[in-house]
């Protein structure tokens, strides 16, 4: 008998299957809900290559999206992309029991609010993932580097659910930074994401070094980062003055990295444009903060994808 919680991962792609593997390694019962790869995962589980060692695992339960749970989990991990037309509340509602907590491991800014409104009586834990991981085939995952999570309650705080989950993730082998102000941490990550992800699409899937090394590229990235910083400060989340330069130095140390939006673009998948950039511009407009470079990039991509 174990006192470890039952976990259900909704959206068990590269990100969801990785963090499911970590919780499985920590001794949790972990199930998955799949829209694709059902047969491959049902038969052979998830097969990983990873610098963390053996992460391959067989879920305790494998559900199709239209099935119903035989019992409700303690926590639902929602790991789908935040895309227009995707009703994330509807995706998780069939799997939410009376006492089920909801854990988001997703990219973007201002992505929790609709779920908090849909499930006001349920704990809502918001996580930011710092990881390089990709799906290479049905049920096949390549984990390249990192895996750290930043975790906190939405909109603020760090309660017993967070402490329980962060302990399990650490037990499974990854670092977790506890945060009392997770929205501020989303702003911090947005300083990097808002320039590099959209620019990679405008530049036909370019890697980070190609963007920085192009004539005027680093100056453009710096200016876009500074605009994000200004909006964050106006929203009540001032960030360190040296964050832009630290991001630029750290990005160069990573080498030629293709971010998630670049990979989605190159593989003809929808991109998380609103979650990563559109919401920043919308908040800027609401607060009266001028962001001409962010607005121009957003408009160009909306023209491209209309």
C-alpha atoms as a PDB file:
ATOM      1  CA  UNK A   1       0.000   0.000   0.000  1.00  0.00           C
ATOM      2  CA  UNK A   2       1.326   3.472  -0.832  1.00  0.00           C
ATOM      3  CA  UNK A   3       0.438   6.955   0.299  1.00  0.00           C
ATOM      4  CA  UNK A   4       1.657   8.375  -2.988  1.00  0.00           C
ATOM      5  CA  UNK A   5      -1.046  10.206  -4.985  1.00  0.00           C
ATOM      6  CA  UNK A   6      -2.715   8.920  -8.153  1.00  0.00           C
ATOM      7  CA  UNK A   7      -1.755  11.051 -11.134  1.00  0.00           C
ATOM      8  CA  UNK A   8      -3.462  11.377 -14.517  1.00  0.00           C
ATOM      9  CA  UNK A   9      -1.646  13.145 -17.367  1.00  0.00           C
ATOM     10  CA  UNK A  10      -3.930  14.802 -19.929  1.00  0.00           C
ATOM     11  CA  UNK A  11      -1.838  15.542 -22.987  1.00  0.00           C
ATOM     12  CA  UNK A  12       0.920  12.948 -22.646  1.00  0.00           C
ATOM     13  CA  UNK A  13       3.153  14.157 -25.451  1.00  0.00           C
ATOM     14  CA  UNK A  14       6.821  14.950 -24.931  1.00  0.00           C
ATOM     15  CA  UNK A  15       6.265  17.219 -21.916  1.00  0.00           C
ATOM     16  CA  UNK A  16       3.475  15.227 -20.275  1.00  0.00           C
ATOM     17  CA  UNK A  17       5.176  11.857 -20.697  1.00  0.00           C
ATOM     18  CA  UNK A  18       8.432  13.244 -19.261  1.00  0.00           C
ATOM     19  CA  UNK A  19       6.876  14.568 -16.065  1.00  0.00           C
ATOM     20  CA  UNK A  20       4.711  11.465 -15.858  1.00  0.00           C
ATOM     21  CA  UNK A  21       7.939   9.436 -15.974  1.00  0.00           C
ATOM     22  CA  UNK A  22       9.403  11.509 -13.135  1.00  0.00           C
ATOM     23  CA  UNK A  23       6.333  10.957 -10.935  1.00  0.00           C
ATOM     24  CA  UNK A  24       6.271   7.264 -11.819  1.00  0.00           C
ATOM     25  CA  UNK A  25       9.923   7.039 -10.755  1.00  0.00           C
ATOM     26  CA  UNK A  26       8.905   8.701  -7.474  1.00  0.00           C
ATOM     27  CA  UNK A  27       6.482   5.826  -6.827  1.00  0.00           C
ATOM     28  CA  UNK A  28       3.182   7.335  -7.943  1.00  0.00           C
ATOM     29  CA  UNK A  29       0.460   5.530  -9.856  1.00  0.00           C
ATOM     30  CA  UNK A  30       0.385   7.395 -13.169  1.00  0.00           C
ATOM     31  CA  UNK A  31      -2.182   7.118 -15.951  1.00  0.00           C
ATOM     32  CA  UNK A  32      -2.451   8.991 -19.241  1.00  0.00           C
ATOM     33  CA  UNK A  33      -5.147  10.310 -21.564  1.00  0.00           C
ATOM     34  CA  UNK A  34      -4.076  10.143 -25.218  1.00  0.00           C
ATOM     35  CA  UNK A  35      -5.432  11.625 -28.423  1.00  0.00           C
ATOM     36  CA  UNK A  36      -2.710   9.941 -30.497  1.00  0.00           C
ATOM     37  CA  UNK A  37      -0.226   7.086 -29.988  1.00  0.00           C
ATOM     38  CA  UNK A  38      -2.839   5.166 -27.963  1.00  0.00           C
ATOM     39  CA  UNK A  39      -2.031   1.742 -29.434  1.00  0.00           C
ATOM     40  CA  UNK A  40       1.748   2.214 -29.225  1.00  0.00           C
ATOM     41  CA  UNK A  41       1.653   3.384 -25.602  1.00  0.00           C
ATOM     42  CA  UNK A  42      -0.937   0.806 -24.537  1.00  0.00           C
ATOM     43  CA  UNK A  43       1.280  -1.962 -25.871  1.00  0.00           C
ATOM     44  CA  UNK A  44       4.796  -0.701 -25.196  1.00  0.00           C
ATOM     45  CA  UNK A  45       4.585   2.333 -22.917  1.00  0.00           C
ATOM     46  CA  UNK A  46       6.835   5.338 -23.371  1.00  0.00           C
ATOM     47  CA  UNK A  47      10.396   4.708 -24.531  1.00  0.00           C
ATOM     48  CA  UNK A  48      12.902   7.377 -23.530  1.00  0.00           C
ATOM     49  CA  UNK A  49      16.444   8.381 -24.223  1.00  0.00           C
ATOM     50  CA  UNK A  50      17.600  10.764 -21.498  1.00  0.00           C
ATOM     51  CA  UNK A  51      20.715  11.981 -19.689  1.00  0.00           C
ATOM     52  CA  UNK A  52      18.811  11.213 -16.483  1.00  0.00           C
ATOM     53  CA  UNK A  53      19.135   7.484 -17.188  1.00  0.00           C
ATOM     54  CA  UNK A  54      16.320   5.004 -17.735  1.00  0.00           C
ATOM     55  CA  UNK A  55      13.011   6.871 -17.888  1.00  0.00           C
ATOM     56  CA  UNK A  56      11.005   4.458 -20.071  1.00  0.00           C
ATOM     57  CA  UNK A  57       7.736   3.567 -18.362  1.00  0.00           C
ATOM     58  CA  UNK A  58       4.405   1.834 -18.740  1.00  0.00           C
ATOM     59  CA  UNK A  59       1.393   3.874 -17.558  1.00  0.00           C
ATOM     60  CA  UNK A  60      -0.834   2.205 -14.995  1.00  0.00           C
ATOM     61  CA  UNK A  61      -3.863   3.206 -17.057  1.00  0.00           C
ATOM     62  CA  UNK A  62      -4.154   4.337 -20.663  1.00  0.00           C
ATOM     63  CA  UNK A  63      -7.348   6.120 -21.662  1.00  0.00           C
ATOM     64  CA  UNK A  64      -8.675   7.468 -24.931  1.00  0.00           C
ATOM     65  CA  UNK A  65      -9.941  11.053 -24.764  1.00  0.00           C
ATOM     66  CA  UNK A  66     -13.606   9.956 -24.989  1.00  0.00           C
ATOM     67  CA  UNK A  67     -13.369   7.367 -22.199  1.00  0.00           C
ATOM     68  CA  UNK A  68     -14.303   7.842 -18.559  1.00  0.00           C
ATOM     69  CA  UNK A  69     -12.115   7.118 -15.536  1.00  0.00           C
ATOM     70  CA  UNK A  70     -12.691   4.012 -13.465  1.00  0.00           C
ATOM     71  CA  UNK A  71     -11.634   6.146 -10.501  1.00  0.00           C
ATOM     72  CA  UNK A  72     -10.704   9.779 -10.167  1.00  0.00           C
ATOM     73  CA  UNK A  73      -7.071  10.806  -9.691  1.00  0.00           C
ATOM     74  CA  UNK A  74      -5.709  12.938  -6.886  1.00  0.00           C
ATOM     75  CA  UNK A  75      -4.109  15.245  -9.450  1.00  0.00           C
ATOM     76  CA  UNK A  76      -4.641  15.903 -13.145  1.00  0.00           C
ATOM     77  CA  UNK A  77      -1.532  17.145 -14.958  1.00  0.00           C
ATOM     78  CA  UNK A  78      -2.636  19.218 -17.952  1.00  0.00           C
ATOM     79  CA  UNK A  79       0.174  19.380 -20.526  1.00  0.00           C
ATOM     80  CA  UNK A  80      -1.545  20.328 -23.800  1.00  0.00           C
ATOM     81  CA  UNK A  81      -0.554  23.289 -25.926  1.00  0.00           C
ATOM     82  CA  UNK A  82      -2.514  26.484 -25.294  1.00  0.00           C
ATOM     83  CA  UNK A  83      -4.122  27.062 -28.675  1.00  0.00           C
ATOM     84  CA  UNK A  84      -7.167  28.998 -29.949  1.00  0.00           C
ATOM     85  CA  UNK A  85     -10.229  26.783 -30.133  1.00  0.00           C
ATOM     86  CA  UNK A  86      -8.891  24.271 -27.600  1.00  0.00           C
ATOM     87  CA  UNK A  87     -11.235  24.237 -24.588  1.00  0.00           C
ATOM     88  CA  UNK A  88      -8.846  23.052 -21.890  1.00  0.00           C
ATOM     89  CA  UNK A  89     -11.540  23.081 -19.219  1.00  0.00           C
ATOM     90  CA  UNK A  90     -13.612  20.671 -21.323  1.00  0.00           C
ATOM     91  CA  UNK A  91     -10.575  18.426 -21.798  1.00  0.00           C
ATOM     92  CA  UNK A  92     -10.035  17.929 -18.075  1.00  0.00           C
ATOM     93  CA  UNK A  93     -13.621  18.085 -16.779  1.00  0.00           C
ATOM     94  CA  UNK A  94     -14.384  14.342 -17.244  1.00  0.00           C
ATOM     95  CA  UNK A  95     -11.316  13.462 -15.164  1.00  0.00           C
ATOM     96  CA  UNK A  96     -11.889  15.863 -12.266  1.00  0.00           C
ATOM     97  CA  UNK A  97     -13.282  14.257  -9.128  1.00  0.00           C
ATOM     98  CA  UNK A  98     -14.610  16.203  -6.166  1.00  0.00           C
ATOM     99  CA  UNK A  99     -11.160  16.425  -4.567  1.00  0.00           C
ATOM    100  CA  UNK A 100      -8.922  16.336  -7.654  1.00  0.00           C
ATOM    101  CA  UNK A 101      -6.276  19.034  -7.917  1.00  0.00           C
ATOM    102  CA  UNK A 102      -5.359  20.549 -11.278  1.00  0.00           C
ATOM    103  CA  UNK A 103      -1.693  21.003 -12.197  1.00  0.00           C
ATOM    104  CA  UNK A 104      -0.733  22.997 -15.295  1.00  0.00           C
ATOM    105  CA  UNK A 105       2.605  22.339 -16.987  1.00  0.00           C
ATOM    106  CA  UNK A 106       2.155  24.615 -19.983  1.00  0.00           C
ATOM    107  CA  UNK A 107       3.790  27.505 -21.790  1.00  0.00           C
ATOM    108  CA  UNK A 108       2.530  31.047 -21.855  1.00  0.00           C
ATOM    109  CA  UNK A 109       1.233  33.999 -19.897  1.00  0.00           C
ATOM    110  CA  UNK A 110      -2.226  34.521 -18.371  1.00  0.00           C
ATOM    111  CA  UNK A 111      -3.201  30.931 -19.164  1.00  0.00           C
ATOM    112  CA  UNK A 112      -4.626  29.944 -15.760  1.00  0.00           C
ATOM    113  CA  UNK A 113      -7.578  32.280 -15.426  1.00  0.00           C
ATOM    114  CA  UNK A 114     -10.180  30.367 -17.461  1.00  0.00           C
ATOM    115  CA  UNK A 115      -9.356  27.141 -15.628  1.00  0.00           C
ATOM    116  CA  UNK A 116      -9.528  28.841 -12.229  1.00  0.00           C
ATOM    117  CA  UNK A 117     -12.984  30.117 -13.176  1.00  0.00           C
ATOM    118  CA  UNK A 118     -14.081  26.688 -14.433  1.00  0.00           C
ATOM    119  CA  UNK A 119     -12.918  24.856 -11.281  1.00  0.00           C
ATOM    120  CA  UNK A 120     -13.098  27.398  -8.434  1.00  0.00           C
ATOM    121  CA  UNK A 121     -13.323  24.754  -5.698  1.00  0.00           C
ATOM    122  CA  UNK A 122     -10.260  22.801  -6.831  1.00  0.00           C
ATOM    123  CA  UNK A 123      -6.595  23.475  -6.041  1.00  0.00           C
ATOM    124  CA  UNK A 124      -4.793  24.983  -9.042  1.00  0.00           C
ATOM    125  CA  UNK A 125      -1.018  24.542  -9.227  1.00  0.00           C
ATOM    126  CA  UNK A 126       0.800  26.336 -12.043  1.00  0.00           C
ATOM    127  CA  UNK A 127       4.191  25.118 -13.295  1.00  0.00           C
ATOM    128  CA  UNK A 128       6.728  26.417 -15.774  1.00  0.00           C
ATOM    129  CA  UNK A 129       8.945  23.798 -17.406  1.00  0.00           C
ATOM    130  CA  UNK A 130      12.534  24.519 -18.406  1.00  0.00           C
ATOM    131  CA  UNK A 131      13.320  21.533 -20.577  1.00  0.00           C
ATOM    132  CA  UNK A 132      14.501  20.370 -23.995  1.00  0.00           C
ATOM    133  CA  UNK A 133      12.439  17.310 -24.916  1.00  0.00           C
ATOM    134  CA  UNK A 134      10.771  16.095 -28.113  1.00  0.00           C
ATOM    135  CA  UNK A 135       8.607  13.283 -29.442  1.00  0.00           C
ATOM    136  CA  UNK A 136      10.516  11.316 -32.080  1.00  0.00           C
ATOM    137  CA  UNK A 137       7.885   8.680 -32.901  1.00  0.00           C
ATOM    138  CA  UNK A 138       4.781   6.964 -31.462  1.00  0.00           C
ATOM    139  CA  UNK A 139       5.541   6.571 -27.768  1.00  0.00           C
ATOM    140  CA  UNK A 140       9.198   7.543 -28.359  1.00  0.00           C
ATOM    141  CA  UNK A 141      10.651  10.535 -26.515  1.00  0.00           C
ATOM    142  CA  UNK A 142      14.095  12.132 -26.637  1.00  0.00           C
ATOM    143  CA  UNK A 143      14.980  14.135 -23.547  1.00  0.00           C
ATOM    144  CA  UNK A 144      17.948  16.310 -24.410  1.00  0.00           C
ATOM    145  CA  UNK A 145      18.521  18.458 -21.323  1.00  0.00           C
ATOM    146  CA  UNK A 146      17.102  20.182 -18.266  1.00  0.00           C
ATOM    147  CA  UNK A 147      13.730  19.387 -16.685  1.00  0.00           C
ATOM    148  CA  UNK A 148      13.516  21.950 -13.911  1.00  0.00           C
ATOM    149  CA  UNK A 149      10.091  23.169 -12.812  1.00  0.00           C
ATOM    150  CA  UNK A 150       9.041  26.440 -11.220  1.00  0.00           C
ATOM    151  CA  UNK A 151       5.880  25.831  -9.192  1.00  0.00           C
ATOM    152  CA  UNK A 152       3.305  27.786  -7.216  1.00  0.00           C
ATOM    153  CA  UNK A 153      -0.397  28.252  -6.623  1.00  0.00           C
ATOM    154  CA  UNK A 154      -2.385  30.474  -8.948  1.00  0.00           C
ATOM    155  CA  UNK A 155      -2.644  33.398  -8.477  1.00  0.00           C
ATOM    156  CA  UNK A 156      -0.221  33.323  -5.552  1.00  0.00           C
ATOM    157  CA  UNK A 157       1.020  31.239  -2.645  1.00  0.00           C
ATOM    158  CA  UNK A 158       2.584  27.850  -2.089  1.00  0.00           C
ATOM    159  CA  UNK A 159       0.266  25.482  -0.233  1.00  0.00           C
ATOM    160  CA  UNK A 160       0.357  21.851   0.888  1.00  0.00           C
ATOM    161  CA  UNK A 161      -0.480  20.575  -2.595  1.00  0.00           C
ATOM    162  CA  UNK A 162       2.549  22.400  -3.971  1.00  0.00           C
ATOM    163  CA  UNK A 163       4.774  21.052  -1.208  1.00  0.00           C
ATOM    164  CA  UNK A 164       3.562  17.517  -1.830  1.00  0.00           C
ATOM    165  CA  UNK A 165       4.067  17.709  -5.590  1.00  0.00           C
ATOM    166  CA  UNK A 166       7.427  19.482  -5.447  1.00  0.00           C
ATOM    167  CA  UNK A 167       8.699  16.804  -3.065  1.00  0.00           C
ATOM    168  CA  UNK A 168       7.597  14.064  -5.478  1.00  0.00           C
ATOM    169  CA  UNK A 169       9.233  15.717  -8.482  1.00  0.00           C
ATOM    170  CA  UNK A 170      12.475  16.071  -6.524  1.00  0.00           C
ATOM    171  CA  UNK A 171      12.243  12.446  -5.456  1.00  0.00           C
ATOM    172  CA  UNK A 172      11.893  11.553  -9.136  1.00  0.00           C
ATOM    173  CA  UNK A 173      15.122  13.346  -9.942  1.00  0.00           C
ATOM    174  CA  UNK A 174      14.476  16.924 -11.081  1.00  0.00           C
ATOM    175  CA  UNK A 175      14.904  20.346  -9.507  1.00  0.00           C
ATOM    176  CA  UNK A 176      11.884  22.393  -8.446  1.00  0.00           C
ATOM    177  CA  UNK A 177      11.932  26.080  -7.560  1.00  0.00           C
ATOM    178  CA  UNK A 178       9.141  26.931  -5.142  1.00  0.00           C
ATOM    179  CA  UNK A 179       7.434  30.251  -5.871  1.00  0.00           C
ATOM    180  CA  UNK A 180       4.959  32.333  -3.895  1.00  0.00           C
ATOM    181  CA  UNK A 181       4.382  34.473  -7.020  1.00  0.00           C
ATOM    182  CA  UNK A 182       4.147  32.143 -10.017  1.00  0.00           C
ATOM    183  CA  UNK A 183       2.629  34.843 -12.241  1.00  0.00           C
ATOM    184  CA  UNK A 184       5.834  36.835 -11.802  1.00  0.00           C
ATOM    185  CA  UNK A 185       7.796  33.753 -12.826  1.00  0.00           C
ATOM    186  CA  UNK A 186       5.681  33.479 -15.972  1.00  0.00           C
ATOM    187  CA  UNK A 187       6.596  37.073 -16.768  1.00  0.00           C
ATOM    188  CA  UNK A 188      10.260  36.217 -16.222  1.00  0.00           C
ATOM    189  CA  UNK A 189      10.092  33.313 -18.681  1.00  0.00           C
ATOM    190  CA  UNK A 190       8.122  35.472 -21.106  1.00  0.00           C
ATOM    191  CA  UNK A 191      11.073  37.863 -21.380  1.00  0.00           C
ATOM    192  CA  UNK A 192      12.873  35.089 -23.294  1.00  0.00           C
ATOM    193  CA  UNK A 193       9.912  33.406 -24.980  1.00  0.00           C
ATOM    194  CA  UNK A 194       8.188  36.477 -26.419  1.00  0.00           C
ATOM    195  CA  UNK A 195      11.101  37.454 -28.680  1.00  0.00           C
ATOM    196  CA  UNK A 196      12.738  34.139 -29.567  1.00  0.00           C
ATOM    197  CA  UNK A 197       9.695  31.961 -30.224  1.00  0.00           C
ATOM    198  CA  UNK A 198       7.833  34.270 -32.654  1.00  0.00           C
ATOM    199  CA  UNK A 199      11.025  35.448 -34.381  1.00  0.00           C
ATOM    200  CA  UNK A 200      11.987  31.834 -35.035  1.00  0.00           C
ATOM    201  CA  UNK A 201       8.765  31.389 -37.016  1.00  0.00           C
ATOM    202  CA  UNK A 202       9.183  34.615 -38.974  1.00  0.00           C
ATOM    203  CA  UNK A 203      12.698  33.405 -39.805  1.00  0.00           C
ATOM    204  CA  UNK A 204      11.523  29.995 -41.109  1.00  0.00           C
ATOM    205  CA  UNK A 205      12.418  27.971 -38.036  1.00  0.00           C
ATOM    206  CA  UNK A 206      15.736  29.664 -37.291  1.00  0.00           C
ATOM    207  CA  UNK A 207      17.732  28.655 -34.215  1.00  0.00           C
ATOM    208  CA  UNK A 208      18.631  31.118 -31.469  1.00  0.00           C
ATOM    209  CA  UNK A 209      22.173  31.843 -32.651  1.00  0.00           C
ATOM    210  CA  UNK A 210      21.003  32.534 -36.197  1.00  0.00           C
ATOM    211  CA  UNK A 211      18.564  35.084 -34.808  1.00  0.00           C
ATOM    212  CA  UNK A 212      21.146  36.759 -32.574  1.00  0.00           C
ATOM    213  CA  UNK A 213      23.913  36.784 -35.179  1.00  0.00           C
ATOM    214  CA  UNK A 214      21.850  38.272 -38.005  1.00  0.00           C
ATOM    215  CA  UNK A 215      22.539  41.989 -38.641  1.00  0.00           C
ATOM    216  CA  UNK A 216      20.489  43.834 -36.015  1.00  0.00           C
ATOM    217  CA  UNK A 217      19.199  40.566 -34.576  1.00  0.00           C
ATOM    218  CA  UNK A 218      20.554  40.920 -31.061  1.00  0.00           C
ATOM    219  CA  UNK A 219      19.413  44.556 -30.867  1.00  0.00           C
ATOM    220  CA  UNK A 220      15.895  43.527 -31.911  1.00  0.00           C
ATOM    221  CA  UNK A 221      15.759  40.738 -29.346  1.00  0.00           C
ATOM    222  CA  UNK A 222      17.028  43.086 -26.629  1.00  0.00           C
ATOM    223  CA  UNK A 223      14.417  45.709 -27.485  1.00  0.00           C
ATOM    224  CA  UNK A 224      11.589  43.145 -27.447  1.00  0.00           C
ATOM    225  CA  UNK A 225      12.788  41.848 -24.078  1.00  0.00           C
ATOM    226  CA  UNK A 226      12.831  45.381 -22.695  1.00  0.00           C
ATOM    227  CA  UNK A 227       9.243  45.888 -23.862  1.00  0.00           C
ATOM    228  CA  UNK A 228       8.165  42.714 -22.029  1.00  0.00           C
ATOM    229  CA  UNK A 229       9.955  43.965 -18.905  1.00  0.00           C
ATOM    230  CA  UNK A 230       8.039  47.251 -19.088  1.00  0.00           C
ATOM    231  CA  UNK A 231       4.677  45.466 -19.306  1.00  0.00           C
ATOM    232  CA  UNK A 232       5.581  43.133 -16.434  1.00  0.00           C
ATOM    233  CA  UNK A 233       6.457  46.112 -14.234  1.00  0.00           C
ATOM    234  CA  UNK A 234       3.186  47.848 -15.096  1.00  0.00           C
ATOM    235  CA  UNK A 235       1.336  44.638 -14.232  1.00  0.00           C
ATOM    236  CA  UNK A 236       2.908  44.633 -10.769  1.00  0.00           C
ATOM    237  CA  UNK A 237       5.778  42.221 -11.412  1.00  0.00           C
ATOM    238  CA  UNK A 238       9.012  44.241 -11.764  1.00  0.00           C
ATOM    239  CA  UNK A 239      11.926  42.069 -12.866  1.00  0.00           C
ATOM    240  CA  UNK A 240      15.680  42.486 -12.228  1.00  0.00           C
ATOM    241  CA  UNK A 241      17.360  45.149 -14.338  1.00  0.00           C
ATOM    242  CA  UNK A 242      20.065  42.727 -15.503  1.00  0.00           C
ATOM    243  CA  UNK A 243      17.624  40.053 -16.703  1.00  0.00           C
ATOM    244  CA  UNK A 244      17.874  41.000 -20.385  1.00  0.00           C
ATOM    245  CA  UNK A 245      21.660  40.755 -20.482  1.00  0.00           C
ATOM    246  CA  UNK A 246      21.630  37.508 -18.482  1.00  0.00           C
ATOM    247  CA  UNK A 247      19.153  36.035 -20.967  1.00  0.00           C
ATOM    248  CA  UNK A 248      21.301  37.027 -23.927  1.00  0.00           C
ATOM    249  CA  UNK A 249      24.474  35.609 -22.391  1.00  0.00           C
ATOM    250  CA  UNK A 250      22.709  32.400 -21.370  1.00  0.00           C
ATOM    251  CA  UNK A 251      21.184  31.976 -24.814  1.00  0.00           C
ATOM    252  CA  UNK A 252      24.580  32.169 -26.483  1.00  0.00           C
ATOM    253  CA  UNK A 253      25.926  29.567 -24.060  1.00  0.00           C
ATOM    254  CA  UNK A 254      23.111  27.169 -25.092  1.00  0.00           C
ATOM    255  CA  UNK A 255      24.358  27.116 -28.668  1.00  0.00           C
ATOM    256  CA  UNK A 256      22.150  26.828 -31.742  1.00  0.00           C
ATOM    257  CA  UNK A 257      18.835  25.908 -30.063  1.00  0.00           C
ATOM    258  CA  UNK A 258      15.504  25.480 -31.863  1.00  0.00           C
ATOM    259  CA  UNK A 259      12.712  26.461 -29.496  1.00  0.00           C
ATOM    260  CA  UNK A 260       9.288  24.823 -29.238  1.00  0.00           C
ATOM    261  CA  UNK A 261       7.575  27.241 -31.604  1.00  0.00           C
ATOM    262  CA  UNK A 262      10.275  26.758 -34.220  1.00  0.00           C
ATOM    263  CA  UNK A 263       9.781  22.991 -34.029  1.00  0.00           C
ATOM    264  CA  UNK A 264       6.001  23.347 -34.270  1.00  0.00           C
ATOM    265  CA  UNK A 265       6.409  25.567 -37.329  1.00  0.00           C
ATOM    266  CA  UNK A 266       8.884  23.206 -39.016  1.00  0.00           C
ATOM    267  CA  UNK A 267       6.563  20.248 -38.393  1.00  0.00           C
ATOM    268  CA  UNK A 268       3.459  22.103 -39.631  1.00  0.00           C
ATOM    269  CA  UNK A 269       1.803  22.142 -36.215  1.00  0.00           C
ATOM    270  CA  UNK A 270      -0.228  25.022 -34.720  1.00  0.00           C
ATOM    271  CA  UNK A 271       1.827  27.561 -32.773  1.00  0.00           C
ATOM    272  CA  UNK A 272       1.028  28.999 -29.337  1.00  0.00           C
ATOM    273  CA  UNK A 273       1.029  32.571 -30.602  1.00  0.00           C
ATOM    274  CA  UNK A 274      -1.508  34.102 -28.213  1.00  0.00           C
ATOM    275  CA  UNK A 275      -0.246  32.301 -25.114  1.00  0.00           C
ATOM    276  CA  UNK A 276       3.361  33.362 -25.717  1.00  0.00           C
ATOM    277  CA  UNK A 277       3.027  36.791 -27.390  1.00  0.00           C
ATOM    278  CA  UNK A 278      -0.596  37.820 -27.945  1.00  0.00           C
ATOM    279  CA  UNK A 279      -1.437  37.912 -24.245  1.00  0.00           C
ATOM    280  CA  UNK A 280       1.587  40.130 -23.554  1.00  0.00           C
ATOM    281  CA  UNK A 281       0.408  42.659 -26.160  1.00  0.00           C
ATOM    282  CA  UNK A 282      -3.177  42.483 -24.858  1.00  0.00           C
ATOM    283  CA  UNK A 283      -2.024  43.259 -21.296  1.00  0.00           C
ATOM    284  CA  UNK A 284       0.186  46.073 -22.620  1.00  0.00           C
ATOM    285  CA  UNK A 285      -2.778  47.620 -24.416  1.00  0.00           C
ATOM    286  CA  UNK A 286      -4.953  47.330 -21.314  1.00  0.00           C
ATOM    287  CA  UNK A 287      -2.292  49.019 -19.173  1.00  0.00           C
ATOM    288  CA  UNK A 288      -1.336  51.633 -21.754  1.00  0.00           C
ATOM    289  CA  UNK A 289       2.255  50.443 -22.206  1.00  0.00           C
ATOM    290  CA  UNK A 290       3.678  51.023 -25.707  1.00  0.00           C
ATOM    291  CA  UNK A 291       5.165  47.842 -27.226  1.00  0.00           C
ATOM    292  CA  UNK A 292       5.691  48.668 -30.912  1.00  0.00           C
ATOM    293  CA  UNK A 293       8.174  45.887 -31.682  1.00  0.00           C
ATOM    294  CA  UNK A 294       6.119  43.169 -29.982  1.00  0.00           C
ATOM    295  CA  UNK A 295       2.987  44.452 -31.739  1.00  0.00           C
ATOM    296  CA  UNK A 296       4.680  44.432 -35.135  1.00  0.00           C
ATOM    297  CA  UNK A 297       5.892  40.845 -34.761  1.00  0.00           C
ATOM    298  CA  UNK A 298       2.479  39.725 -33.514  1.00  0.00           C
ATOM    299  CA  UNK A 299       0.698  41.432 -36.413  1.00  0.00           C
ATOM    300  CA  UNK A 300       3.074  39.915 -38.984  1.00  0.00           C
ATOM    301  CA  UNK A 301       2.432  36.427 -37.625  1.00  0.00           C
ATOM    302  CA  UNK A 302      -1.325  36.941 -37.501  1.00  0.00           C
ATOM    303  CA  UNK A 303      -1.235  37.980 -41.152  1.00  0.00           C
ATOM    304  CA  UNK A 304       0.778  34.866 -41.924  1.00  0.00           C
ATOM    305  CA  UNK A 305      -1.606  32.544 -40.089  1.00  0.00           C
ATOM    306  CA  UNK A 306      -4.975  34.131 -40.884  1.00  0.00           C
END
